[in-house]
Amino acid sequence: MVVGTQMVSVCVGWQLYDLTRRPIDLGYAGLAQFLPAFLLALPAGQLADQLDRRRILSACQAIYAFCALSLLVVIASKSKEVWPIYAILVLFGSGRGLSGPAGQALMPDLVRPEHLSNGIAWGMSVFQIGTIVGPAAGGLAYAAGGAAAAYASAVVLFVLAFSMFAALRSKPSREKRSAPTLASLLAGVRYVREKKVILGALSLDLFAVLLGGATALLPVYARDILHVGPSGLGALRGAPGVGALLMALVLAYRPLGRRAGFTMFACVGLFGVATIVFGVSRSFSLSLAALVVLGASDLVSVVVRHTVVQLSTPPEMRGRVSAVNVLFIGASNELGEFESGVTAAFFGVVPAVVLGGVGTCLVVVLWTWLFPSLRKVDRLEAATY
């Protein structure tokens, strides 16, 4: 699934920029995926608490496969219009909105609480392998056979993912099925608002990555600043995954011990610094190194956040609380891409990335003061609902 979605993401970004040469169109691509995911997140969380999460994930693979096939049709038509691509990305974002809560809430059904932090680290290792292989494979496929080759490969991968999710075995802990109400729909929002540790962890990621999201502008860096072409773009997109994979393996073998909250803040600050270094770099190797550090520091934040959220939430509410997490993640990623495109259009590409990194560092300082309970989190396994 991850390899397929990453291949589609790389090819869509290059294809759009190749058609228009306007950085803001890359921002629109992020917005087209964010809006449906944002609107569907809460209903998807309620579904994840009432239905079989494996079947939800299988259905989402079918949506992804249809989107990749539709992009193939657009390529075959030789159309120069960009609106069909945005329409397909809206459907693609809808699939992501449905799959996010079910995917996050599934992990505690597979791993015992005392092993959840370690399980998340191993899960992120597999995820990051996909983020490394996917962009590189997408860039190479685009360079070798055009976007059609990459989209066709993604279709095959989504069909394979569909089969794997359907075959998965778990012991679900779901809410008793009942008629959906507004109160049950918003239960996850209320819970997050009352749990300051969860609210602080989610909002820190929201604003830090929202401001520090440089990945949306990677096609501009690959073509106009670093001059490395589609294959170089694949390497740049995969570099954060390399850093995250290495850090995930470290955490899998040596889980976080004491002062987990403080470590999270320090790593988000490092994320901001790495964004600044990438923004000003004119060296391909230095840019890759900065993105590797960026990915490694972000992975620590992800592991702490996911562990705190899952262990601080009752099993029957994990889908809806995970939906709130998806809202924050979606805002920080897709909306962050839109923010990067807009600021690049007004201030230029390099100033937009640098200002975003500075903003991330400022958010870390402010959240350290606003959420002392998060900063004081010691051992992750001590978190409880």
Protein backbone atom coordinates (compact mmCIF):
# COMPACT_ATOMS: atom_id res chain seq x y z
CA MET A 1 0.00 0.00 0.00
CA VAL A 2 2.69 2.49 1.01
CA VAL A 3 4.89 1.77 -2.01
CA GLY A 4 1.90 2.25 -4.30
CA THR A 5 0.73 5.51 -2.73
CA GLN A 6 4.27 6.89 -2.76
CA MET A 7 4.72 6.02 -6.43
CA VAL A 8 1.46 7.79 -7.28
CA SER A 9 2.44 10.82 -5.19
CA VAL A 10 5.85 11.21 -6.85
CA CYS A 11 4.47 10.84 -10.37
CA VAL A 12 1.51 13.17 -9.83
CA GLY A 13 3.82 15.88 -8.47
CA TRP A 14 6.25 15.62 -11.38
CA GLN A 15 3.43 15.38 -13.92
CA LEU A 16 1.66 18.49 -12.60
CA TYR A 17 4.82 20.58 -12.45
CA ASP A 18 5.83 19.35 -15.90
CA LEU A 19 2.47 20.53 -17.27
CA THR A 20 2.24 23.94 -15.58
CA ARG A 21 5.68 24.85 -14.11
CA ARG A 22 3.78 26.59 -11.27
CA PRO A 23 4.73 25.67 -7.66
CA ILE A 24 1.24 26.59 -6.44
CA ASP A 25 -0.23 23.69 -8.45
CA LEU A 26 1.71 21.34 -6.18
CA GLY A 27 -0.02 23.06 -3.28
CA TYR A 28 -3.40 22.50 -4.91
CA ALA A 29 -2.56 18.79 -5.20
CA GLY A 30 -2.07 18.65 -1.45
CA LEU A 31 -5.31 20.55 -0.86
CA ALA A 32 -7.25 18.20 -3.16
CA GLN A 33 -6.20 15.27 -0.97
CA PHE A 34 -6.58 17.04 2.36
CA LEU A 35 -10.16 18.31 2.08
CA PRO A 36 -11.92 14.95 1.56
CA ALA A 37 -9.71 13.26 4.16
CA PHE A 38 -10.56 16.03 6.61
CA LEU A 39 -14.30 15.78 5.99
CA LEU A 40 -14.39 11.98 6.21
CA ALA A 41 -12.08 11.50 9.19
CA LEU A 42 -14.67 11.62 12.00
CA PRO A 43 -17.25 9.41 10.23
CA ALA A 44 -14.41 7.03 9.35
CA GLY A 45 -13.40 6.87 13.02
CA GLN A 46 -16.93 5.88 14.00
CA LEU A 47 -16.91 3.20 11.29
CA ALA A 48 -13.59 1.88 12.61
CA ASP A 49 -15.15 1.44 16.06
CA GLN A 50 -18.20 -0.42 14.71
CA LEU A 51 -17.03 -2.39 11.64
CA ASP A 52 -14.23 -4.83 10.86
CA ARG A 53 -11.16 -2.63 10.43
CA ARG A 54 -9.57 -5.14 8.04
CA ARG A 55 -12.50 -4.86 5.63
CA ILE A 56 -12.36 -1.08 5.73
CA LEU A 57 -8.67 -1.19 4.80
CA SER A 58 -9.35 -3.69 2.00
CA ALA A 59 -12.04 -1.43 0.54
CA CYS A 60 -9.61 1.50 0.58
CA GLN A 61 -7.12 -0.50 -1.51
CA ALA A 62 -9.84 -0.91 -4.13
CA ILE A 63 -10.32 2.88 -4.15
CA TYR A 64 -6.57 3.43 -4.59
CA ALA A 65 -6.44 0.95 -7.47
CA PHE A 66 -9.32 2.71 -9.21
CA CYS A 67 -7.54 6.07 -8.83
CA ALA A 68 -4.33 4.71 -10.34
CA LEU A 69 -6.30 3.26 -13.24
CA SER A 70 -8.01 6.62 -13.74
CA LEU A 71 -4.64 8.37 -13.88
CA LEU A 72 -3.64 5.87 -16.56
CA VAL A 73 -6.69 6.90 -18.57
CA VAL A 74 -5.71 10.57 -18.24
CA ILE A 75 -2.22 9.74 -19.52
CA ALA A 76 -3.63 7.78 -22.46
CA SER A 77 -5.91 10.68 -23.44
CA LYS A 78 -2.85 12.99 -23.76
CA SER A 79 -4.89 15.76 -22.13
CA LYS A 80 -3.10 18.94 -21.06
CA GLU A 81 -5.85 19.77 -18.58
CA VAL A 82 -5.02 19.45 -14.89
CA TRP A 83 -8.54 19.36 -13.45
CA PRO A 84 -9.01 15.58 -14.08
CA ILE A 85 -5.88 14.95 -12.03
CA TYR A 86 -7.22 17.04 -9.16
CA ALA A 87 -10.56 15.21 -9.34
CA ILE A 88 -8.79 11.86 -9.04
CA LEU A 89 -6.72 13.18 -6.12
CA VAL A 90 -9.97 14.10 -4.33
CA LEU A 91 -11.07 10.46 -4.53
CA PHE A 92 -7.56 9.35 -3.52
CA GLY A 93 -7.77 11.60 -0.46
CA SER A 94 -11.18 10.12 0.36
CA GLY A 95 -9.62 6.67 0.50
CA ARG A 96 -6.91 7.98 2.81
CA GLY A 97 -9.55 9.57 5.02
CA LEU A 98 -11.35 6.24 5.39
CA SER A 99 -8.22 4.13 5.93
CA GLY A 100 -6.42 6.34 8.46
CA PRO A 101 -8.49 5.69 11.62
CA ALA A 102 -8.94 1.98 10.85
CA GLY A 103 -5.21 1.51 10.21
CA GLN A 104 -4.12 3.26 13.39
CA ALA A 105 -6.74 1.59 15.59
CA LEU A 106 -5.83 -1.86 14.24
CA MET A 107 -2.39 -2.03 15.87
CA PRO A 108 -3.63 -2.48 19.48
CA ASP A 109 -5.73 -5.41 18.20
CA LEU A 110 -2.51 -7.09 17.08
CA VAL A 111 -0.05 -6.20 19.87
CA ARG A 112 -0.38 -6.41 23.67
CA PRO A 113 -0.23 -3.06 25.55
CA GLU A 114 3.19 -3.71 27.09
CA HIS A 115 4.64 -4.25 23.61
CA LEU A 116 2.75 -1.49 21.80
CA SER A 117 5.59 1.04 21.68
CA ASN A 118 7.94 -1.62 20.31
CA GLY A 119 5.27 -2.81 17.89
CA ILE A 120 4.74 0.72 16.59
CA ALA A 121 8.49 1.05 16.04
CA TRP A 122 8.56 -2.19 14.01
CA GLY A 123 5.44 -1.12 12.15
CA MET A 124 7.06 2.19 11.30
CA SER A 125 10.14 0.30 10.08
CA VAL A 126 7.99 -1.50 7.52
CA PHE A 127 6.19 1.74 6.68
CA GLN A 128 9.46 3.56 6.11
CA ILE A 129 10.75 0.80 3.85
CA GLY A 130 7.73 1.62 1.72
CA THR A 131 8.49 5.34 1.80
CA ILE A 132 12.03 4.61 0.64
CA VAL A 133 11.21 2.08 -2.07
CA GLY A 134 8.07 3.88 -3.30
CA PRO A 135 9.51 7.28 -4.27
CA ALA A 136 12.67 5.74 -5.74
CA ALA A 137 10.64 3.22 -7.74
CA GLY A 138 8.23 5.94 -8.85
CA GLY A 139 11.03 8.22 -10.02
CA LEU A 140 12.82 5.43 -11.86
CA ALA A 141 9.60 4.18 -13.47
CA TYR A 142 8.74 7.71 -14.60
CA ALA A 143 12.21 8.19 -16.06
CA ALA A 144 12.17 4.78 -17.80
CA GLY A 145 8.59 4.41 -19.04
CA GLY A 146 6.76 7.59 -18.16
CA ALA A 147 3.94 8.09 -15.67
CA ALA A 148 1.90 5.25 -17.25
CA ALA A 149 4.47 2.66 -16.14
CA ALA A 150 4.43 3.96 -12.58
CA TYR A 151 0.62 4.09 -12.35
CA ALA A 152 0.28 0.57 -13.79
CA SER A 153 2.75 -0.73 -11.20
CA ALA A 154 0.76 0.99 -8.45
CA VAL A 155 -2.43 -0.77 -9.57
CA VAL A 156 -0.72 -4.15 -9.14
CA LEU A 157 0.54 -3.16 -5.68
CA PHE A 158 -2.89 -2.01 -4.50
CA VAL A 159 -4.45 -5.31 -5.62
CA LEU A 160 -1.76 -7.16 -3.66
CA ALA A 161 -2.42 -4.99 -0.59
CA PHE A 162 -6.15 -5.72 -0.92
CA SER A 163 -5.45 -9.46 -0.73
CA MET A 164 -3.14 -9.09 2.27
CA PHE A 165 -5.54 -7.01 4.33
CA ALA A 166 -8.35 -9.45 3.56
CA ALA A 167 -6.22 -12.34 4.84
CA LEU A 168 -5.14 -10.59 8.06
CA ARG A 169 -6.24 -12.11 11.39
CA SER A 170 -6.83 -10.01 14.51
CA LYS A 171 -8.86 -9.90 17.73
CA PRO A 172 -10.97 -6.76 17.33
CA SER A 173 -12.22 -4.67 20.26
CA ARG A 174 -15.13 -2.71 18.82
CA GLU A 175 -17.97 -0.66 20.19
CA LYS A 176 -21.36 -2.37 20.20
CA ARG A 177 -23.01 -1.44 16.92
CA SER A 178 -25.72 1.17 17.32
CA ALA A 179 -27.31 3.99 15.35
CA PRO A 180 -24.74 6.76 14.85
CA THR A 181 -25.42 10.00 16.67
CA LEU A 182 -23.73 13.37 16.69
CA ALA A 183 -22.61 12.75 20.28
CA SER A 184 -20.93 9.45 19.39
CA LEU A 185 -19.41 11.02 16.27
CA LEU A 186 -17.78 13.78 18.35
CA ALA A 187 -16.81 11.55 21.28
CA GLY A 188 -13.21 11.35 20.09
CA VAL A 189 -12.96 15.14 19.80
CA ARG A 190 -14.23 15.57 23.36
CA TYR A 191 -11.82 12.96 24.67
CA VAL A 192 -8.80 14.58 23.01
CA ARG A 193 -9.83 18.00 24.30
CA GLU A 194 -10.00 16.69 27.87
CA LYS A 195 -6.72 14.74 27.69
CA LYS A 196 -4.08 17.48 27.64
CA VAL A 197 -1.23 15.08 26.95
CA ILE A 198 -2.94 13.81 23.78
CA LEU A 199 -3.99 17.32 22.73
CA GLY A 200 -0.44 18.61 23.16
CA ALA A 201 1.12 15.73 21.20
CA LEU A 202 -1.31 16.05 18.28
CA SER A 203 -1.21 19.84 18.06
CA LEU A 204 2.60 19.91 18.27
CA ASP A 205 2.79 17.67 15.22
CA LEU A 206 0.08 19.71 13.48
CA PHE A 207 1.79 23.08 13.67
CA ALA A 208 5.38 21.88 13.43
CA VAL A 209 4.89 19.85 10.24
CA LEU A 210 2.38 22.37 8.85
CA LEU A 211 5.08 25.02 8.92
CA GLY A 212 8.02 22.73 8.14
CA GLY A 213 6.51 20.82 5.21
CA ALA A 214 9.16 21.19 2.50
CA THR A 215 8.40 17.95 0.67
CA ALA A 216 5.66 19.53 -1.48
CA LEU A 217 8.32 21.69 -3.14
CA LEU A 218 10.72 18.85 -3.90
CA PRO A 219 9.84 18.81 -7.63
CA VAL A 220 10.95 22.46 -7.81
CA TYR A 221 14.21 21.67 -6.00
CA ALA A 222 14.84 18.63 -8.22
CA ARG A 223 14.24 20.50 -11.48
CA ASP A 224 15.27 24.12 -10.92
CA ILE A 225 17.61 24.27 -7.90
CA LEU A 226 19.51 20.97 -7.64
CA HIS A 227 19.02 19.99 -11.32
CA VAL A 228 18.77 16.24 -10.69
CA GLY A 229 15.69 15.24 -12.75
CA PRO A 230 12.98 12.66 -11.97
CA SER A 231 15.38 10.05 -10.57
CA GLY A 232 16.86 12.67 -8.26
CA LEU A 233 13.35 13.61 -7.18
CA GLY A 234 12.74 9.99 -6.23
CA ALA A 235 15.92 10.01 -4.13
CA LEU A 236 14.91 13.24 -2.41
CA ARG A 237 11.43 11.89 -1.66
CA GLY A 238 12.94 8.69 -0.28
CA ALA A 239 15.62 10.34 1.90
CA PRO A 240 13.29 11.14 4.85
CA GLY A 241 12.20 7.51 4.75
CA VAL A 242 15.83 6.37 5.01
CA GLY A 243 16.32 8.45 8.15
CA ALA A 244 13.01 7.32 9.61
CA LEU A 245 13.77 3.66 8.88
CA LEU A 246 17.16 3.83 10.58
CA MET A 247 15.63 5.52 13.62
CA ALA A 248 12.73 3.05 13.69
CA LEU A 249 15.16 0.13 13.76
CA VAL A 250 17.11 1.79 16.57
CA LEU A 251 13.91 2.28 18.59
CA ALA A 252 12.75 -1.27 17.84
CA TYR A 253 15.90 -2.69 19.41
CA ARG A 254 16.38 0.05 22.01
CA PRO A 255 12.95 1.52 22.91
CA LEU A 256 12.74 4.98 24.44
CA GLY A 257 13.44 4.91 28.15
CA ARG A 258 13.15 7.89 30.45
CA ARG A 259 12.16 11.46 29.50
CA ALA A 260 10.22 10.45 26.38
CA GLY A 261 8.31 13.76 26.32
CA PHE A 262 11.45 15.90 26.42
CA THR A 263 13.02 13.73 23.72
CA MET A 264 9.97 14.32 21.52
CA PHE A 265 10.29 18.12 21.84
CA ALA A 266 14.03 18.00 21.10
CA CYS A 267 13.48 15.92 17.96
CA VAL A 268 10.73 18.21 16.63
CA GLY A 269 13.16 21.11 17.09
CA LEU A 270 15.77 19.16 15.14
CA PHE A 271 13.14 18.64 12.43
CA GLY A 272 12.89 22.43 12.09
CA VAL A 273 16.66 22.88 11.92
CA ALA A 274 16.98 20.18 9.23
CA THR A 275 14.26 21.94 7.21
CA ILE A 276 16.25 25.19 7.30
CA VAL A 277 19.44 23.41 6.18
CA PHE A 278 17.60 21.77 3.29
CA GLY A 279 16.06 25.08 2.28
CA VAL A 280 19.39 26.88 1.85
CA SER A 281 21.36 23.94 0.43
CA ARG A 282 22.56 23.94 -3.18
CA SER A 283 24.36 20.61 -2.82
CA PHE A 284 22.47 17.42 -3.67
CA SER A 285 24.38 15.39 -1.06
CA LEU A 286 23.81 17.98 1.68
CA SER A 287 20.12 18.16 0.76
CA LEU A 288 19.84 14.38 1.01
CA ALA A 289 21.59 14.43 4.41
CA ALA A 290 19.26 17.13 5.72
CA LEU A 291 16.21 15.14 4.61
CA VAL A 292 17.59 12.00 6.28
CA VAL A 293 17.94 13.90 9.59
CA LEU A 294 14.47 15.37 9.08
CA GLY A 295 12.96 11.90 8.69
CA ALA A 296 14.80 10.43 11.67
CA SER A 297 13.75 13.22 14.02
CA ASP A 298 10.14 13.06 12.84
CA LEU A 299 10.01 9.30 13.46
CA VAL A 300 10.72 9.78 17.17
CA SER A 301 7.80 12.19 17.39
CA VAL A 302 5.56 9.71 15.56
CA VAL A 303 6.39 6.81 17.91
CA VAL A 304 5.84 8.90 21.04
CA ARG A 305 2.60 10.38 19.70
CA HIS A 306 1.08 7.10 18.53
CA THR A 307 1.99 5.27 21.74
CA VAL A 308 0.61 8.00 23.98
CA VAL A 309 -2.62 8.25 21.96
CA GLN A 310 -3.30 4.50 21.84
CA LEU A 311 -2.42 3.70 25.47
CA SER A 312 -4.30 6.74 26.77
CA THR A 313 -7.52 5.76 24.94
CA PRO A 314 -10.10 3.06 25.85
CA PRO A 315 -10.18 0.25 23.24
CA GLU A 316 -13.77 0.94 22.18
CA MET A 317 -12.89 4.57 21.34
CA ARG A 318 -9.60 4.09 19.53
CA GLY A 319 -11.14 4.46 16.09
CA ARG A 320 -12.69 7.85 16.87
CA VAL A 321 -9.63 9.15 18.71
CA SER A 322 -7.45 7.89 15.85
CA ALA A 323 -9.76 9.85 13.54
CA VAL A 324 -8.85 13.03 15.40
CA ASN A 325 -5.20 12.04 15.02
CA VAL A 326 -5.79 11.60 11.28
CA LEU A 327 -7.31 15.09 11.13
CA PHE A 328 -4.20 16.56 12.72
CA ILE A 329 -1.85 14.52 10.53
CA GLY A 330 -3.79 15.37 7.39
CA ALA A 331 -3.74 19.06 8.23
CA SER A 332 -0.01 18.98 8.89
CA ASN A 333 0.80 17.05 5.70
CA GLU A 334 -1.64 17.89 2.89
CA LEU A 335 -2.57 21.36 4.20
CA GLY A 336 1.11 21.91 4.87
CA GLU A 337 1.77 21.18 1.19
CA PHE A 338 -0.81 23.80 0.26
CA GLU A 339 0.79 26.29 2.67
CA SER A 340 4.21 25.61 1.14
CA GLY A 341 2.88 26.16 -2.37
CA VAL A 342 1.20 29.44 -1.44
CA THR A 343 4.19 30.86 0.46
CA ALA A 344 6.50 29.80 -2.38
CA ALA A 345 4.29 31.64 -4.85
CA PHE A 346 4.46 34.84 -2.77
CA PHE A 347 7.98 34.76 -1.28
CA GLY A 348 9.91 32.32 -3.46
CA VAL A 349 10.72 28.65 -2.92
CA VAL A 350 13.81 28.96 -0.72
CA PRO A 351 12.41 31.66 1.64
CA ALA A 352 9.22 29.60 2.03
CA VAL A 353 11.14 26.52 3.20
CA VAL A 354 13.44 28.49 5.51
CA LEU A 355 10.59 30.43 7.10
CA GLY A 356 8.74 27.16 7.65
CA GLY A 357 11.71 25.67 9.50
CA VAL A 358 12.04 28.75 11.70
CA GLY A 359 8.32 28.56 12.44
CA THR A 360 8.68 24.92 13.52
CA CYS A 361 11.39 25.84 16.02
CA LEU A 362 9.22 28.63 17.44
CA VAL A 363 6.30 26.21 17.85
CA VAL A 364 8.51 23.86 19.89
CA VAL A 365 9.42 26.67 22.28
CA LEU A 366 5.80 27.75 22.68
CA TRP A 367 4.41 24.20 23.17
CA THR A 368 7.06 23.45 25.80
CA TRP A 369 5.46 26.21 27.85
CA LEU A 370 1.81 25.47 26.96
CA PHE A 371 1.88 21.69 27.60
CA PRO A 372 4.21 20.94 30.53
CA SER A 373 2.46 17.60 31.13
CA LEU A 374 3.60 16.41 27.69
CA ARG A 375 7.14 17.61 28.29
CA LYS A 376 7.20 15.69 31.59
CA VAL A 377 6.09 12.35 30.12
CA ASP A 378 8.65 9.83 31.35
CA ARG A 379 8.18 6.20 30.34
CA LEU A 380 5.73 5.55 27.48
CA GLU A 381 4.44 2.27 28.88
CA ALA A 382 3.19 4.18 31.95
CA ALA A 383 0.58 6.01 29.84
CA THR A 384 -2.95 4.86 30.66
CA TYR A 385 -6.53 5.86 30.01
